[in-house]
Protein backbone atom coordinates (compact mmCIF):
# COMPACT_ATOMS: atom_id res chain seq x y z
CA MET A 1 -8.94 15.01 -8.77
CA TYR A 2 -7.94 11.38 -9.29
CA PHE A 3 -6.16 8.88 -7.10
CA LEU A 4 -3.93 5.98 -7.96
CA TYR A 5 -4.25 3.18 -5.40
CA ILE A 6 -2.74 -0.20 -4.60
CA ILE A 7 -4.81 -2.73 -2.69
CA GLU A 8 -3.77 -5.95 -1.02
CA CYS A 9 -5.76 -9.05 -1.93
CA GLY A 10 -6.35 -12.10 0.27
CA ASP A 11 -4.04 -14.25 -1.83
CA GLY A 12 -1.18 -11.79 -1.26
CA SER A 13 -1.39 -10.23 -4.70
CA LEU A 14 -1.48 -6.48 -5.29
CA TYR A 15 -3.96 -4.66 -7.49
CA THR A 16 -3.35 -1.17 -8.88
CA GLY A 17 -6.12 1.09 -10.13
CA ILE A 18 -7.37 4.67 -10.33
CA THR A 19 -10.49 6.36 -8.99
CA THR A 20 -11.95 9.68 -7.92
CA ASN A 21 -12.86 8.27 -4.49
CA VAL A 22 -10.64 5.64 -2.85
CA ASP A 23 -13.08 4.70 -0.05
CA ARG A 24 -15.97 4.20 -2.48
CA ARG A 25 -13.80 2.17 -4.85
CA LEU A 26 -12.50 -0.05 -2.05
CA SER A 27 -16.09 -0.71 -1.00
CA GLU A 28 -16.97 -1.66 -4.59
CA HIS A 29 -14.02 -4.03 -4.78
CA LYS A 30 -15.01 -5.66 -1.49
CA LYS A 31 -18.54 -6.21 -2.81
CA GLY A 32 -17.20 -7.86 -5.96
CA LYS A 33 -18.18 -4.90 -8.13
CA GLY A 34 -14.61 -3.77 -8.78
CA GLY A 35 -12.41 -4.83 -11.63
CA HIS A 36 -12.51 -8.32 -13.09
CA TYR A 37 -9.31 -9.32 -11.28
CA THR A 38 -10.57 -8.35 -7.84
CA SER A 39 -14.07 -9.77 -8.24
CA SER A 40 -12.74 -13.24 -7.40
CA LYS A 41 -10.36 -12.08 -4.65
CA LYS A 42 -10.88 -11.20 -1.02
CA ILE A 43 -9.86 -7.56 -0.70
CA ILE A 44 -7.91 -6.78 2.46
CA ARG A 45 -7.01 -3.07 2.43
CA VAL A 46 -5.62 -0.11 0.59
CA LEU A 47 -1.83 -0.16 0.95
CA TYR A 48 -1.06 3.01 -0.96
CA SER A 49 -2.65 5.96 -2.71
CA GLU A 50 -1.42 9.10 -4.38
CA GLU A 51 -3.27 12.12 -5.71
CA HIS A 52 -3.23 13.27 -9.34
CA PRO A 53 -4.67 16.45 -10.82
CA ASP A 54 -6.38 14.69 -13.73
CA ARG A 55 -7.32 11.33 -15.19
CA SER A 56 -4.53 11.40 -17.76
CA SER A 57 -1.72 11.67 -15.21
CA ALA A 58 -3.33 9.01 -13.00
CA LEU A 59 -3.60 6.62 -15.96
CA LYS A 60 0.04 7.19 -16.89
CA ARG A 61 1.15 6.47 -13.34
CA GLU A 62 -1.10 3.39 -13.15
CA SER A 63 0.45 2.03 -16.32
CA GLU A 64 3.94 2.65 -14.96
CA ILE A 65 3.27 0.90 -11.65
CA LYS A 66 1.41 -2.04 -13.21
CA ASN A 67 4.62 -2.84 -15.10
CA TRP A 68 6.65 -3.00 -11.89
CA LYS A 69 7.45 -6.23 -10.09
CA ARG A 70 5.81 -6.83 -6.70
CA ASN A 71 8.94 -5.93 -4.70
CA LYS A 72 9.20 -2.50 -6.31
CA LYS A 73 5.54 -1.82 -5.48
CA LEU A 74 6.15 -2.82 -1.86
CA VAL A 75 9.14 -0.46 -1.66
CA LEU A 76 6.84 2.36 -2.82
CA VAL A 77 4.35 1.46 -0.07
CA LEU A 78 7.07 1.27 2.60
CA ASN A 79 8.64 4.57 1.57
CA LYS A 80 5.29 6.34 1.86
CA ARG A 81 4.76 4.93 5.34
CA LYS A 82 8.23 6.07 6.43
CA SER A 83 7.48 9.61 5.27
CA LEU A 84 4.24 9.87 7.28
């Protein structure tokens, strides 16, 4: 099981990644052990996550979302919150 996630950084930027454990990965990012981009950012929180059955589908979705503009990512986050 894999998860795609979007985290909010202290500078207002959004970072998208995949992992098998969102809580562990968030902790790594906060400690500066995450991706290169987040190592120099203050990590605020996970805004969004979605489950995928395998690494391949998670990577495809990550690639799709990374090509989106910020506003489209925020719409995804807001729509998930509305459905909860």
